Amino acid sequence: MNEWTTYLDKNGEVMTYNSIDDATPEEWDKASKTVYGKLYHPNDHAIDKQIGGNHYSRYVIQPVDFIIANKLDWCEGNAIKYITRWKNKNGVEDIKKAIHYLEILLERIENEDSRR
């Protein structure tokens, strides 16, 4: 039989069922309310979570909030992201990434200006 769902229950126990028929109605309800192995809560919002570390959670203004509020494009947003986190994540590598995205942005702007 194919495995159809795996989730962590409230005690952290991994629950796996090989058939939909194996689950009780309560277990089915619980399984259907899980996201990424964690129990889903209706007040959870993606913007309030950080996947893969906590290097942004220390800031008063999250980079993603700033990027969205200011309608920044991909290169601008990535430059903000990398320059914001460099001290707490990848150091000089993140500064180089920020510079790289700014170089791409500059090149694009210069190319657009030369076409006018």
N, C-alpha and C. Protein backbone atom coordinates (compact mmCIF):
# COMPACT_ATOMS: atom_id res chain seq x y z
N MET A 1 0.83 -1.18 0.00
CA MET A 1 0.00 0.00 0.00
C MET A 1 0.87 1.25 0.00
N ASN A 2 0.36 2.32 -0.57
CA ASN A 2 1.09 3.58 -0.60
C ASN A 2 0.89 4.35 0.69
N GLU A 3 1.96 4.96 1.18
CA GLU A 3 1.84 5.83 2.34
C GLU A 3 1.10 7.08 1.92
N TRP A 4 0.09 7.48 2.66
CA TRP A 4 -0.68 8.66 2.22
C TRP A 4 -0.50 9.87 3.09
N THR A 5 -0.11 9.70 4.33
CA THR A 5 0.14 10.88 5.15
C THR A 5 1.04 10.55 6.33
N THR A 6 1.85 11.51 6.70
CA THR A 6 2.68 11.43 7.89
C THR A 6 2.62 12.79 8.56
N TYR A 7 2.43 12.80 9.88
CA TYR A 7 2.42 14.06 10.60
C TYR A 7 2.85 13.82 12.04
N LEU A 8 3.17 14.90 12.75
CA LEU A 8 3.51 14.82 14.16
C LEU A 8 2.26 15.13 14.97
N ASP A 9 1.93 14.29 15.95
CA ASP A 9 0.78 14.61 16.79
C ASP A 9 1.21 15.58 17.88
N LYS A 10 0.30 15.94 18.79
CA LYS A 10 0.59 16.96 19.79
C LYS A 10 1.70 16.55 20.75
N ASN A 11 2.00 15.27 20.83
CA ASN A 11 3.08 14.79 21.68
C ASN A 11 4.38 14.60 20.92
N GLY A 12 4.40 14.99 19.66
CA GLY A 12 5.59 14.84 18.83
C GLY A 12 5.74 13.46 18.24
N GLU A 13 4.73 12.61 18.40
CA GLU A 13 4.78 11.26 17.85
C GLU A 13 4.47 11.29 16.36
N VAL A 14 5.27 10.60 15.57
CA VAL A 14 5.04 10.54 14.13
C VAL A 14 3.90 9.57 13.87
N MET A 15 2.89 10.05 13.17
CA MET A 15 1.73 9.23 12.83
C MET A 15 1.73 9.02 11.32
N THR A 16 1.69 7.76 10.89
CA THR A 16 1.69 7.43 9.47
C THR A 16 0.58 6.43 9.19
N TYR A 17 -0.12 6.64 8.10
CA TYR A 17 -1.17 5.73 7.70
C TYR A 17 -0.92 5.27 6.28
N ASN A 18 -1.14 3.98 6.02
CA ASN A 18 -0.93 3.43 4.69
C ASN A 18 -2.18 3.49 3.84
N SER A 19 -3.31 3.73 4.47
CA SER A 19 -4.56 3.80 3.74
C SER A 19 -5.47 4.77 4.47
N ILE A 20 -6.28 5.47 3.73
CA ILE A 20 -7.23 6.38 4.34
C ILE A 20 -8.17 5.63 5.29
N ASP A 21 -8.36 4.34 5.03
CA ASP A 21 -9.24 3.52 5.86
C ASP A 21 -8.64 3.23 7.23
N ASP A 22 -7.32 3.43 7.39
CA ASP A 22 -6.65 3.15 8.66
C ASP A 22 -6.91 4.23 9.71
N ALA A 23 -7.29 5.42 9.29
CA ALA A 23 -7.42 6.55 10.21
C ALA A 23 -8.84 6.68 10.73
N THR A 24 -8.93 7.04 12.02
CA THR A 24 -10.24 7.36 12.60
C THR A 24 -10.65 8.74 12.09
N PRO A 25 -11.91 9.12 12.22
CA PRO A 25 -12.31 10.47 11.81
C PRO A 25 -11.51 11.56 12.53
N GLU A 26 -11.22 11.34 13.80
CA GLU A 26 -10.44 12.33 14.56
C GLU A 26 -9.01 12.43 14.03
N GLU A 27 -8.41 11.27 13.72
CA GLU A 27 -7.05 11.28 13.18
C GLU A 27 -7.00 11.90 11.79
N TRP A 28 -8.03 11.64 10.99
CA TRP A 28 -8.11 12.24 9.66
C TRP A 28 -8.20 13.75 9.78
N ASP A 29 -9.02 14.23 10.70
CA ASP A 29 -9.18 15.66 10.91
C ASP A 29 -7.86 16.28 11.33
N LYS A 30 -7.16 15.62 12.26
CA LYS A 30 -5.88 16.12 12.73
C LYS A 30 -4.85 16.15 11.59
N ALA A 31 -4.80 15.08 10.80
CA ALA A 31 -3.85 15.01 9.69
C ALA A 31 -4.12 16.08 8.66
N SER A 32 -5.39 16.39 8.43
CA SER A 32 -5.73 17.38 7.42
C SER A 32 -5.42 18.79 7.88
N LYS A 33 -5.12 18.97 9.16
CA LYS A 33 -4.82 20.30 9.69
C LYS A 33 -3.34 20.46 9.98
N THR A 34 -2.49 19.72 9.29
CA THR A 34 -1.06 19.85 9.51
C THR A 34 -0.40 20.53 8.33
N VAL A 35 0.63 21.29 8.61
CA VAL A 35 1.41 21.96 7.59
C VAL A 35 2.88 21.71 7.92
N TYR A 36 3.62 21.14 6.98
CA TYR A 36 5.04 20.85 7.17
C TYR A 36 5.30 20.08 8.46
N GLY A 37 4.41 19.14 8.81
CA GLY A 37 4.61 18.32 9.98
C GLY A 37 4.23 18.99 11.28
N LYS A 38 3.72 20.21 11.25
CA LYS A 38 3.31 20.91 12.46
C LYS A 38 1.81 21.12 12.41
N LEU A 39 1.19 21.09 13.57
CA LEU A 39 -0.25 21.32 13.59
C LEU A 39 -0.55 22.72 13.10
N TYR A 40 -1.49 22.83 12.20
CA TYR A 40 -1.86 24.11 11.63
C TYR A 40 -2.81 24.84 12.56
N HIS A 41 -2.59 26.10 12.73
CA HIS A 41 -3.49 26.94 13.50
C HIS A 41 -4.03 28.01 12.56
N PRO A 42 -5.33 28.26 12.56
CA PRO A 42 -5.91 29.20 11.60
C PRO A 42 -5.35 30.62 11.69
N ASN A 43 -4.74 30.99 12.81
CA ASN A 43 -4.16 32.33 12.92
C ASN A 43 -2.70 32.39 12.50
N ASP A 44 -2.14 31.25 12.05
CA ASP A 44 -0.76 31.25 11.56
C ASP A 44 -0.72 31.96 10.21
N HIS A 45 0.28 32.80 10.02
CA HIS A 45 0.45 33.50 8.75
C HIS A 45 1.87 33.27 8.26
N ALA A 46 2.01 33.02 6.99
CA ALA A 46 3.32 32.75 6.40
C ALA A 46 4.31 33.87 6.69
N ILE A 47 3.85 35.10 6.68
CA ILE A 47 4.73 36.25 6.89
C ILE A 47 5.32 36.26 8.30
N ASP A 48 4.67 35.56 9.24
CA ASP A 48 5.14 35.53 10.62
C ASP A 48 6.15 34.42 10.88
N LYS A 49 6.46 33.61 9.88
CA LYS A 49 7.36 32.47 10.05
C LYS A 49 8.66 32.70 9.31
N GLN A 50 9.70 32.08 9.80
CA GLN A 50 10.95 32.04 9.06
C GLN A 50 11.40 30.60 8.99
N ILE A 51 11.60 30.13 7.79
CA ILE A 51 12.05 28.76 7.58
C ILE A 51 13.57 28.79 7.43
N GLY A 52 14.27 28.01 8.22
CA GLY A 52 15.72 27.90 8.06
C GLY A 52 16.52 28.92 8.84
N GLY A 53 16.25 29.11 10.09
CA GLY A 53 17.06 29.99 10.92
C GLY A 53 16.25 31.07 11.59
N ASN A 54 16.97 32.01 12.24
CA ASN A 54 16.30 33.12 12.91
C ASN A 54 17.02 34.44 12.66
N HIS A 55 17.81 34.49 11.59
CA HIS A 55 18.64 35.65 11.32
C HIS A 55 17.85 36.91 10.95
N TYR A 56 16.55 36.80 10.61
CA TYR A 56 15.75 37.99 10.34
C TYR A 56 14.89 38.39 11.53
N SER A 57 14.62 37.46 12.43
CA SER A 57 13.68 37.71 13.51
C SER A 57 14.17 38.77 14.50
N ARG A 58 15.42 39.09 14.48
CA ARG A 58 15.98 40.07 15.43
C ARG A 58 15.74 41.52 15.00
N TYR A 59 15.22 41.72 13.79
CA TYR A 59 15.05 43.08 13.28
C TYR A 59 13.66 43.63 13.55
N VAL A 60 13.58 44.93 13.81
CA VAL A 60 12.31 45.59 14.05
C VAL A 60 11.45 45.55 12.79
N ILE A 61 12.08 45.78 11.65
CA ILE A 61 11.40 45.70 10.35
C ILE A 61 12.01 44.53 9.59
N GLN A 62 11.19 43.55 9.28
CA GLN A 62 11.66 42.40 8.53
C GLN A 62 11.97 42.82 7.10
N PRO A 63 13.05 42.31 6.51
CA PRO A 63 13.36 42.65 5.13
C PRO A 63 12.20 42.40 4.19
N VAL A 64 11.50 41.30 4.36
CA VAL A 64 10.38 40.99 3.45
C VAL A 64 9.27 42.03 3.58
N ASP A 65 9.01 42.52 4.79
CA ASP A 65 8.00 43.56 4.98
C ASP A 65 8.41 44.84 4.25
N PHE A 66 9.68 45.22 4.38
CA PHE A 66 10.20 46.41 3.71
C PHE A 66 10.12 46.26 2.20
N ILE A 67 10.53 45.10 1.69
CA ILE A 67 10.55 44.83 0.25
C ILE A 67 9.14 44.90 -0.33
N ILE A 68 8.18 44.24 0.33
CA ILE A 68 6.80 44.24 -0.16
C ILE A 68 6.19 45.63 -0.07
N ALA A 69 6.35 46.31 1.07
CA ALA A 69 5.76 47.64 1.27
C ALA A 69 6.26 48.65 0.26
N ASN A 70 7.51 48.49 -0.17
CA ASN A 70 8.10 49.44 -1.11
C ASN A 70 8.08 48.95 -2.55
N LYS A 71 7.43 47.80 -2.79
CA LYS A 71 7.29 47.24 -4.14
C LYS A 71 8.62 47.16 -4.88
N LEU A 72 9.63 46.64 -4.17
CA LEU A 72 10.95 46.51 -4.77
C LEU A 72 10.99 45.32 -5.71
N ASP A 73 11.80 45.43 -6.75
CA ASP A 73 11.92 44.31 -7.69
C ASP A 73 12.89 43.27 -7.14
N TRP A 74 13.10 42.21 -7.90
CA TRP A 74 13.90 41.07 -7.48
C TRP A 74 15.31 41.47 -7.04
N CYS A 75 16.00 42.24 -7.87
CA CYS A 75 17.39 42.62 -7.55
C CYS A 75 17.45 43.53 -6.33
N GLU A 76 16.55 44.50 -6.28
CA GLU A 76 16.53 45.41 -5.12
C GLU A 76 16.22 44.64 -3.84
N GLY A 77 15.23 43.76 -3.91
CA GLY A 77 14.84 42.99 -2.74
C GLY A 77 15.95 42.07 -2.25
N ASN A 78 16.63 41.42 -3.17
CA ASN A 78 17.73 40.54 -2.77
C ASN A 78 18.88 41.33 -2.16
N ALA A 79 19.17 42.49 -2.71
CA ALA A 79 20.24 43.32 -2.13
C ALA A 79 19.89 43.70 -0.69
N ILE A 80 18.64 44.09 -0.45
CA ILE A 80 18.19 44.43 0.90
C ILE A 80 18.31 43.21 1.81
N LYS A 81 17.84 42.07 1.34
CA LYS A 81 17.88 40.83 2.13
C LYS A 81 19.30 40.49 2.55
N TYR A 82 20.22 40.48 1.59
CA TYR A 82 21.59 40.06 1.90
C TYR A 82 22.32 41.08 2.76
N ILE A 83 22.12 42.35 2.53
CA ILE A 83 22.83 43.35 3.32
C ILE A 83 22.28 43.39 4.74
N THR A 84 21.01 43.05 4.90
CA THR A 84 20.41 43.03 6.23
C THR A 84 20.97 41.89 7.07
N ARG A 85 21.17 40.74 6.49
CA ARG A 85 21.52 39.55 7.27
C ARG A 85 23.01 39.24 7.36
N TRP A 86 23.86 39.98 6.68
CA TRP A 86 25.25 39.58 6.55
C TRP A 86 25.96 39.34 7.88
N LYS A 87 25.68 40.15 8.89
CA LYS A 87 26.37 40.00 10.18
C LYS A 87 25.94 38.73 10.92
N ASN A 88 24.73 38.27 10.65
CA ASN A 88 24.18 37.16 11.42
C ASN A 88 24.07 35.85 10.65
N LYS A 89 24.49 35.84 9.38
CA LYS A 89 24.36 34.59 8.63
C LYS A 89 25.66 34.24 7.93
N ASN A 90 25.92 34.80 6.76
CA ASN A 90 27.04 34.33 5.94
C ASN A 90 28.18 35.33 5.80
N GLY A 91 28.19 36.39 6.59
CA GLY A 91 29.30 37.33 6.58
C GLY A 91 29.58 37.94 5.22
N VAL A 92 30.85 37.98 4.85
CA VAL A 92 31.31 38.62 3.62
C VAL A 92 30.61 38.04 2.38
N GLU A 93 30.29 36.75 2.41
CA GLU A 93 29.61 36.14 1.27
C GLU A 93 28.28 36.85 0.98
N ASP A 94 27.54 37.21 2.04
CA ASP A 94 26.27 37.91 1.83
C ASP A 94 26.49 39.33 1.30
N ILE A 95 27.57 39.98 1.71
CA ILE A 95 27.88 41.31 1.16
C ILE A 95 28.17 41.17 -0.34
N LYS A 96 28.92 40.15 -0.71
CA LYS A 96 29.22 39.92 -2.13
C LYS A 96 27.94 39.64 -2.92
N LYS A 97 27.01 38.89 -2.32
CA LYS A 97 25.75 38.63 -3.00
C LYS A 97 24.95 39.91 -3.19
N ALA A 98 24.93 40.76 -2.16
CA ALA A 98 24.22 42.04 -2.27
C ALA A 98 24.83 42.88 -3.39
N ILE A 99 26.16 42.95 -3.42
CA ILE A 99 26.85 43.70 -4.48
C ILE A 99 26.52 43.12 -5.84
N HIS A 100 26.49 41.80 -5.95
CA HIS A 100 26.17 41.14 -7.22
C HIS A 100 24.78 41.58 -7.72
N TYR A 101 23.78 41.56 -6.84
CA TYR A 101 22.44 41.98 -7.25
C TYR A 101 22.40 43.46 -7.60
N LEU A 102 23.17 44.28 -6.91
CA LEU A 102 23.23 45.71 -7.25
C LEU A 102 23.92 45.92 -8.59
N GLU A 103 24.93 45.10 -8.90
CA GLU A 103 25.58 45.18 -10.21
C GLU A 103 24.61 44.80 -11.33
N ILE A 104 23.81 43.76 -11.09
CA ILE A 104 22.80 43.36 -12.08
C ILE A 104 21.80 44.49 -12.28
N LEU A 105 21.34 45.09 -11.18
CA LEU A 105 20.40 46.22 -11.24
C LEU A 105 21.01 47.39 -12.00
N LEU A 106 22.23 47.75 -11.68
CA LEU A 106 22.91 48.86 -12.34
C LEU A 106 23.06 48.60 -13.84
N GLU A 107 23.47 47.41 -14.18
CA GLU A 107 23.63 47.06 -15.60
C GLU A 107 22.29 47.16 -16.34
N ARG A 108 21.25 46.69 -15.72
CA ARG A 108 19.92 46.75 -16.34
C ARG A 108 19.49 48.21 -16.53
N ILE A 109 19.70 49.04 -15.52
CA ILE A 109 19.31 50.45 -15.61
C ILE A 109 20.13 51.16 -16.68
N GLU A 110 21.43 50.89 -16.71
CA GLU A 110 22.29 51.52 -17.71
C GLU A 110 21.90 51.08 -19.11
N ASN A 111 21.55 49.82 -19.30
CA ASN A 111 21.11 49.33 -20.60
C ASN A 111 19.78 49.97 -21.03
N GLU A 112 18.86 50.13 -20.09
CA GLU A 112 17.58 50.78 -20.39
C GLU A 112 17.81 52.24 -20.77
N ASP A 113 18.72 52.92 -20.06
CA ASP A 113 19.01 54.33 -20.36
C ASP A 113 19.65 54.49 -21.73
N SER A 114 20.48 53.52 -22.13
CA SER A 114 21.17 53.62 -23.42
C SER A 114 20.21 53.40 -24.59
N ARG A 115 19.09 52.80 -24.34
CA ARG A 115 18.10 52.55 -25.39
C ARG A 115 17.19 53.76 -25.66
N ARG A 116 17.26 54.73 -24.80
CA ARG A 116 16.39 55.92 -24.93
C ARG A 116 16.98 56.93 -25.86
